[in-house]
Amino acid sequence: MTHTIPDVNTVALAVTDGMLHFELSVAYEVFGSAPAGVAGPWYDLVVCGPDTVRAGRFGLEPDHGLDRLPSADTVIVPGWADIDEEPPADLVDAVRAAHEAGARVASLCTGAFVLAAAGLLDGLRATTHWAHTRVLATRYPRVTVDPDVLYVDNGSVLTSAGKAAAMDLCLHLVRLDHGSSTTNAVARRLVVPPHRDGGQAQFVTTPVPAPDNHPLAELFPWVLERLDQPLTVEDLARRARVSSRTLGRHFRSVTGTTPLQWLLTQRIRHAQELLETTDDSVDTIAAATGMGTATTLRRHFNRTVGVPPDTYRRTFRSRARSDHDDSEQYPS
C-alpha cells in the first residue's frame, strides 16, 4: 500500500503501561517541534493511551485515548518493555484499526511485537532489537525477521532495531515527508547523524546463537572454520544430514534468517574482524572470507555495513587510537 503524505501529518504516539521511555522520548523530540527556519506546517503530535501511563519510572498523561489512533496519519509504537508479556489487546486492536484506516504505522525497537500481534507484519520483512530477533521470528513465523539492519521500510509499515536505531527510523520518516534539508536541520538540533541507511548493520558481535541444544549447534562451528571456502546451501545441508528445505526451516527457527543470508553475515563479520585486527589487503581478506574478489567483498560489505572496507578500517583504527590515548590519559 502506498502511503500519501498529507499537508499536515498527524503523528500519534501509541502508549500504554510498559512502554520504553527512551524510544518514546526519541519520537517526541523528532516530531514534537519543528527545527528553526523550516517553512510550512510541521507535524501535529498527539499522545494516545489509557488515562495515566507508566513508562519506567515516568508518568505520562495522554492527550487522547487509543480510539484516536485510526484518525492519525502516522502511528508510532515505542518499544515494549517485557516481550514475554502479550501486549494489551486494546493497544493491538487500535494499531490494527489505524492501519486499516490508512495510517502509516511504525514501531521502534520491541514495538515490533505489537505490530506482529496485530498481524501487520505477516508476510513482510521486519526487524527489532538484535537481542530479541530470534524470539520475534519464533513467535511470529509469518514474519521475515532481519536481525542485521537498522530499520525496514515496507511503505505503510515500518520497523526499527533497538535504541539509537529508533532515531534513524524517525529521521527517515521526516526525510520521506519533508526532504533531506529539513531532516538535516532536525539532526543538527538533536546533535545526531542526519542519515544512516536502514540496511546498515546493527554492529553486534553474536555470530552464533548461545544455546547448544538446537539442530544447527554442530553445523555452525564447522561453517565458521571454513568461511574461506565457497560453501553452498547443499554443502550445509549435507553436513547437517538434512534436506535443503529442512535446513531452511531450522535456520529460520534458530537465526530468524535464511542459510545464505546467515552465511553472508558471517563472512562480513569475519571481514570486519580482519579489517580491525590485521593489515591484510582487501584482496587477501576477500579470499579469507570466501568472497572471491575484492570487488565482491566491497559490494557486499558496503551494502551490509554501510561503508566500504577501507573506510571501515580507518574508522575503527582511529577509534582504537582514541580509546588508547584516553586510557593513557585516564588510567584506571
Protein backbone atom coordinates (compact mmCIF):
# COMPACT_ATOMS: atom_id res chain seq x y z
CA MET A 1 0.00 0.00 0.00
CA THR A 2 1.38 3.41 -0.99
CA HIS A 3 1.20 6.00 1.78
CA THR A 4 0.27 9.53 0.70
CA ILE A 5 1.66 12.34 2.87
CA PRO A 6 -0.98 14.96 3.82
CA ASP A 7 -0.25 18.69 4.15
CA VAL A 8 -0.32 18.41 7.94
CA ASN A 9 0.70 14.98 9.17
CA THR A 10 -0.87 13.98 12.47
CA VAL A 11 1.57 11.72 14.32
CA ALA A 12 0.08 9.69 17.16
CA LEU A 13 2.30 8.07 19.79
CA ALA A 14 0.52 4.91 20.91
CA VAL A 15 1.40 4.46 24.57
CA THR A 16 0.41 2.18 27.40
CA ASP A 17 1.92 0.88 30.61
CA GLY A 18 5.17 -0.97 29.94
CA MET A 19 6.50 1.23 27.15
CA LEU A 20 10.22 2.05 26.98
CA HIS A 21 10.71 5.74 27.74
CA PHE A 22 13.85 6.17 25.60
CA GLU A 23 12.14 5.30 22.32
CA LEU A 24 9.06 7.28 23.33
CA SER A 25 11.14 10.37 24.04
CA VAL A 26 13.06 9.99 20.76
CA ALA A 27 9.82 10.12 18.78
CA TYR A 28 8.55 13.05 20.85
CA GLU A 29 11.75 15.03 20.22
CA VAL A 30 11.72 14.41 16.46
CA PHE A 31 8.05 15.04 15.74
CA GLY A 32 7.15 17.36 18.62
CA SER A 33 8.60 20.63 17.37
CA ALA A 34 9.89 21.96 14.06
CA PRO A 35 13.54 22.98 13.74
CA ALA A 36 14.24 26.68 13.31
CA GLY A 37 13.86 28.03 9.81
CA VAL A 38 11.57 25.29 8.46
CA ALA A 39 8.86 26.71 6.24
CA GLY A 40 5.39 25.23 6.08
CA PRO A 41 3.41 23.13 8.57
CA TRP A 42 5.10 20.66 10.90
CA TYR A 43 3.63 17.55 12.47
CA ASP A 44 0.62 17.65 14.76
CA LEU A 45 1.86 15.35 17.53
CA VAL A 46 -0.64 13.69 19.87
CA VAL A 47 -0.08 11.14 22.62
CA CYS A 48 -2.74 8.44 22.76
CA GLY A 49 -3.23 6.00 25.60
CA PRO A 50 -5.39 4.98 28.55
CA ASP A 51 -5.50 7.57 31.37
CA THR A 52 -2.11 7.91 33.09
CA VAL A 53 0.63 5.73 31.61
CA ARG A 54 3.74 4.48 33.38
CA ALA A 55 6.90 4.34 31.25
CA GLY A 56 9.58 3.03 33.56
CA ARG A 57 9.78 5.50 36.46
CA PHE A 58 7.98 8.22 34.50
CA GLY A 59 4.30 9.08 34.39
CA LEU A 60 2.64 10.27 31.19
CA GLU A 61 -0.77 11.86 30.65
CA PRO A 62 -2.04 11.11 27.12
CA ASP A 63 -3.89 13.72 25.09
CA HIS A 64 -6.43 11.20 23.79
CA GLY A 65 -7.48 7.60 24.20
CA LEU A 66 -6.33 4.83 21.90
CA ASP A 67 -9.54 5.26 19.89
CA ARG A 68 -7.90 8.38 18.39
CA LEU A 69 -5.31 6.27 16.50
CA PRO A 70 -7.45 5.48 13.43
CA SER A 71 -7.77 9.20 12.63
CA ALA A 72 -3.97 9.74 12.66
CA ASP A 73 -1.83 9.84 9.54
CA THR A 74 1.17 8.20 11.20
CA VAL A 75 1.17 5.98 14.29
CA ILE A 76 4.36 5.38 16.25
CA VAL A 77 4.55 2.38 18.61
CA PRO A 78 7.51 2.76 21.00
CA GLY A 79 9.43 -0.16 22.48
CA TRP A 80 7.58 -2.74 24.58
CA ALA A 81 9.49 -3.41 27.82
CA ASP A 82 8.51 -7.03 28.57
CA ILE A 83 8.40 -9.12 25.41
CA ASP A 84 7.37 -12.17 27.45
CA GLU A 85 4.02 -10.49 28.12
CA GLU A 86 1.34 -10.19 25.46
CA PRO A 87 0.76 -6.53 24.57
CA PRO A 88 -2.63 -5.21 25.71
CA ALA A 89 -5.47 -6.21 23.41
CA ASP A 90 -6.84 -2.66 23.23
CA LEU A 91 -3.46 -1.40 22.00
CA VAL A 92 -3.17 -4.17 19.42
CA ASP A 93 -6.73 -3.59 18.19
CA ALA A 94 -6.21 0.19 17.96
CA VAL A 95 -2.97 -0.16 15.99
CA ARG A 96 -4.63 -2.62 13.62
CA ALA A 97 -7.62 -0.30 13.15
CA ALA A 98 -5.31 2.63 12.44
CA HIS A 99 -3.55 0.70 9.69
CA GLU A 100 -6.85 -0.44 8.20
CA ALA A 101 -7.94 3.21 8.17
CA GLY A 102 -4.87 4.09 6.06
CA ALA A 103 -2.36 5.22 8.67
CA ARG A 104 1.35 4.66 8.25
CA VAL A 105 2.42 2.57 11.26
CA ALA A 106 5.99 2.44 12.58
CA SER A 107 7.41 0.51 15.53
CA LEU A 108 10.53 1.42 17.46
CA CYS A 109 12.69 -1.34 18.97
CA THR A 110 10.45 -4.03 20.53
CA GLY A 111 7.33 -2.18 19.44
CA ALA A 112 7.55 -4.65 16.56
CA PHE A 113 5.95 -7.23 18.86
CA VAL A 114 2.82 -5.06 18.98
CA LEU A 115 2.72 -4.78 15.18
CA ALA A 116 3.28 -8.52 14.83
CA ALA A 117 0.49 -9.27 17.30
CA ALA A 118 -1.79 -7.05 15.19
CA GLY A 119 -0.90 -9.07 12.09
CA LEU A 120 0.64 -6.06 10.34
CA LEU A 121 3.97 -7.82 9.75
CA ASP A 122 2.60 -11.04 8.26
CA GLY A 123 4.43 -11.80 5.02
CA LEU A 124 6.71 -8.79 5.48
CA ARG A 125 10.36 -8.28 6.35
CA ALA A 126 10.84 -6.63 9.75
CA THR A 127 13.40 -6.00 12.47
CA THR A 128 13.66 -5.29 16.18
CA HIS A 129 16.42 -5.06 18.78
CA TRP A 130 19.04 -7.67 17.86
CA ALA A 131 18.70 -9.36 21.28
CA HIS A 132 15.03 -10.19 20.56
CA THR A 133 15.03 -11.03 16.84
CA ARG A 134 15.06 -14.78 17.45
CA VAL A 135 12.07 -14.53 19.81
CA LEU A 136 10.15 -12.42 17.30
CA ALA A 137 10.86 -14.90 14.49
CA THR A 138 9.86 -17.89 16.60
CA ARG A 139 6.68 -16.36 17.99
CA TYR A 140 5.52 -14.96 14.66
CA PRO A 141 6.73 -17.38 11.93
CA ARG A 142 4.89 -15.48 9.18
CA VAL A 143 7.23 -12.53 9.71
CA THR A 144 10.62 -12.49 7.96
CA VAL A 145 12.86 -11.11 10.70
CA ASP A 146 16.10 -9.44 9.62
CA PRO A 147 18.48 -9.18 12.61
CA ASP A 148 21.15 -7.20 10.78
CA VAL A 149 19.56 -3.91 9.75
CA LEU A 150 18.74 -0.62 11.46
CA TYR A 151 15.22 -0.37 10.09
CA VAL A 152 12.91 -1.79 7.44
CA ASP A 153 10.55 0.33 5.33
CA ASN A 154 7.62 -1.57 3.81
CA GLY A 155 5.77 1.58 2.81
CA SER A 156 2.84 1.77 5.20
CA VAL A 157 4.52 -0.42 7.83
CA LEU A 158 8.00 0.28 9.19
CA THR A 159 10.08 -1.28 11.98
CA SER A 160 13.34 -0.24 13.62
CA ALA A 161 16.05 -2.02 15.53
CA GLY A 162 16.84 -1.09 19.13
CA LYS A 163 17.70 2.14 20.90
CA ALA A 164 19.63 4.53 18.63
CA ALA A 165 18.07 2.93 15.54
CA ALA A 166 14.75 4.41 16.68
CA MET A 167 16.22 7.82 15.89
CA ASP A 168 17.29 6.60 12.45
CA LEU A 169 13.78 5.47 11.59
CA CYS A 170 12.20 8.69 12.89
CA LEU A 171 14.58 10.77 10.79
CA HIS A 172 13.83 8.51 7.82
CA LEU A 173 10.13 9.36 8.20
CA VAL A 174 10.95 13.08 8.32
CA ARG A 175 13.05 12.66 5.18
CA LEU A 176 10.15 10.97 3.38
CA ASP A 177 7.76 13.76 4.41
CA HIS A 178 9.94 16.88 4.28
CA GLY A 179 13.14 16.04 2.37
CA SER A 180 16.81 15.84 3.28
CA SER A 181 17.36 19.54 4.00
CA THR A 182 14.73 19.61 6.74
CA THR A 183 15.93 16.28 8.11
CA ASN A 184 19.46 17.67 8.35
CA ALA A 185 18.11 20.61 10.33
CA VAL A 186 16.34 18.25 12.74
CA ALA A 187 19.51 16.19 13.11
CA ARG A 188 21.58 19.31 13.81
CA ARG A 189 19.16 20.35 16.55
CA LEU A 190 19.36 16.90 18.13
CA VAL A 191 23.13 16.61 17.51
CA VAL A 192 22.87 13.23 15.74
CA PRO A 193 23.97 11.95 12.32
CA PRO A 194 21.40 13.04 9.72
CA HIS A 195 21.35 9.74 7.85
CA ARG A 196 22.27 6.13 8.47
CA ASP A 197 20.83 3.84 5.83
CA GLY A 198 18.30 1.29 7.07
CA GLY A 199 20.38 -1.56 5.65
CA GLN A 200 23.36 -0.68 7.81
CA ALA A 201 24.24 -3.37 10.31
CA GLN A 202 23.35 -3.16 14.00
CA PHE A 203 27.07 -3.80 14.81
CA VAL A 204 26.52 -6.76 17.11
CA THR A 205 29.07 -9.48 17.79
CA THR A 206 26.83 -12.54 18.02
CA PRO A 207 27.85 -14.82 15.14
CA VAL A 208 26.46 -17.96 16.79
CA PRO A 209 23.30 -18.29 18.91
CA ALA A 210 24.13 -19.04 22.53
CA PRO A 211 22.19 -22.27 23.20
CA ASP A 212 23.89 -25.50 22.10
CA ASN A 213 20.78 -27.66 22.08
CA HIS A 214 19.39 -26.64 18.68
CA PRO A 215 19.59 -28.63 15.39
CA LEU A 216 22.38 -26.44 13.98
CA ALA A 217 24.69 -26.48 17.03
CA GLU A 218 27.28 -28.71 15.34
CA LEU A 219 26.95 -27.07 11.93
CA PHE A 220 27.77 -23.51 12.99
CA PRO A 221 31.36 -24.15 14.21
CA TRP A 222 32.03 -26.26 11.11
CA VAL A 223 30.94 -23.39 8.85
CA LEU A 224 32.89 -20.75 10.77
CA GLU A 225 36.08 -22.76 10.31
CA ARG A 226 35.51 -22.83 6.53
CA LEU A 227 34.48 -19.28 5.67
CA ASP A 228 37.28 -19.14 3.09
CA GLN A 229 35.52 -21.83 1.07
CA PRO A 230 32.66 -21.36 -1.47
CA LEU A 231 30.01 -23.10 0.63
CA THR A 232 26.51 -23.66 -0.74
CA VAL A 233 23.17 -24.49 0.87
CA GLU A 234 23.63 -28.04 -0.39
CA ASP A 235 27.03 -28.24 1.34
CA LEU A 236 25.48 -27.11 4.63
CA ALA A 237 22.51 -29.48 4.27
CA ARG A 238 24.83 -32.39 3.51
CA ARG A 239 26.92 -31.63 6.59
CA ALA A 240 23.79 -31.32 8.76
CA ARG A 241 22.41 -34.54 7.23
CA VAL A 242 19.09 -32.95 6.30
CA SER A 243 17.39 -31.79 3.13
CA SER A 244 17.87 -28.23 1.91
CA ARG A 245 14.24 -27.48 2.76
CA THR A 246 14.61 -28.80 6.31
CA LEU A 247 17.83 -26.84 6.69
CA GLY A 248 15.99 -23.68 5.72
CA ARG A 249 13.33 -24.32 8.37
CA HIS A 250 16.00 -24.92 11.02
CA PHE A 251 17.79 -21.70 10.10
CA ARG A 252 14.56 -19.72 10.22
CA SER A 253 13.76 -21.13 13.66
CA VAL A 254 17.23 -20.66 15.16
CA THR A 255 18.53 -17.49 13.48
CA GLY A 256 15.46 -15.82 12.00
CA THR A 257 17.00 -15.75 8.53
CA THR A 258 17.98 -17.98 5.59
CA PRO A 259 21.13 -20.15 5.35
CA LEU A 260 22.68 -17.98 2.62
CA GLN A 261 21.93 -14.72 4.44
CA TRP A 262 23.38 -16.13 7.66
CA LEU A 263 26.47 -17.31 5.79
CA LEU A 264 26.93 -13.91 4.17
CA THR A 265 26.60 -12.25 7.57
CA GLN A 266 29.34 -14.48 9.00
CA ARG A 267 31.63 -13.67 6.05
CA ILE A 268 31.05 -9.94 6.57
CA ARG A 269 31.66 -10.19 10.31
CA HIS A 270 34.88 -12.13 9.72
CA ALA A 271 35.92 -9.42 7.26
CA GLN A 272 35.21 -6.79 9.93
CA GLU A 273 37.44 -8.64 12.40
CA LEU A 274 40.27 -8.92 9.87
CA LEU A 275 39.97 -5.24 8.94
CA GLU A 276 40.15 -4.29 12.61
CA THR A 277 42.98 -6.62 13.66
CA THR A 278 45.25 -7.11 10.61
CA ASP A 279 46.93 -5.13 7.86
CA ASP A 280 45.85 -7.62 5.19
CA SER A 281 44.82 -6.16 1.85
CA VAL A 282 41.17 -6.17 0.79
CA ASP A 283 42.07 -8.84 -1.80
CA THR A 284 43.55 -11.08 0.90
CA ILE A 285 40.54 -10.56 3.16
CA ALA A 286 38.19 -11.31 0.27
CA ALA A 287 39.91 -14.67 -0.19
CA ALA A 288 39.93 -15.38 3.56
CA THR A 289 36.20 -14.74 3.84
CA GLY A 290 35.14 -16.69 0.77
CA MET A 291 34.13 -13.60 -1.19
CA GLY A 292 36.50 -14.43 -4.02
CA THR A 293 37.41 -10.96 -5.22
CA ALA A 294 37.86 -7.53 -3.66
CA THR A 295 35.06 -6.23 -5.87
CA THR A 296 32.60 -8.76 -4.48
CA LEU A 297 33.68 -8.06 -0.90
CA ARG A 298 33.36 -4.30 -1.38
CA ARG A 299 29.86 -4.65 -2.85
CA HIS A 300 28.50 -6.88 -0.07
CA PHE A 301 30.39 -5.07 2.70
CA ASN A 302 29.13 -1.65 1.63
CA ARG A 303 25.58 -2.93 1.30
CA THR A 304 25.65 -4.64 4.72
CA VAL A 305 27.76 -2.32 6.89
CA GLY A 306 27.03 0.92 5.08
CA VAL A 307 30.64 1.92 4.34
CA PRO A 308 33.44 0.46 2.14
CA PRO A 309 36.04 -1.85 3.77
CA ASP A 310 38.82 0.75 3.64
CA THR A 311 36.65 3.37 5.35
CA TYR A 312 35.62 0.86 7.97
CA ARG A 313 39.26 0.04 8.72
CA ARG A 314 40.24 3.71 9.03
CA THR A 315 37.28 4.44 11.30
CA PHE A 316 37.98 1.61 13.70
CA ARG A 317 41.73 2.19 13.71
CA SER A 318 41.09 5.84 14.56
CA ARG A 319 38.63 4.85 17.29
CA ALA A 320 41.11 2.35 18.72
CA ARG A 321 43.84 5.02 18.85
CA SER A 322 41.45 7.42 20.58
CA ASP A 323 40.50 4.79 23.17
CA HIS A 324 44.19 4.03 23.76
CA ASP A 325 45.01 7.71 24.26
CA ASP A 326 42.13 8.07 26.70
CA SER A 327 43.26 5.05 28.69
CA GLU A 328 46.76 6.53 28.99
CA GLN A 329 45.42 9.93 30.00
CA TYR A 330 42.91 8.49 32.48
CA PRO A 331 44.38 5.25 33.83
CA SER A 332 42.07 3.07 35.87
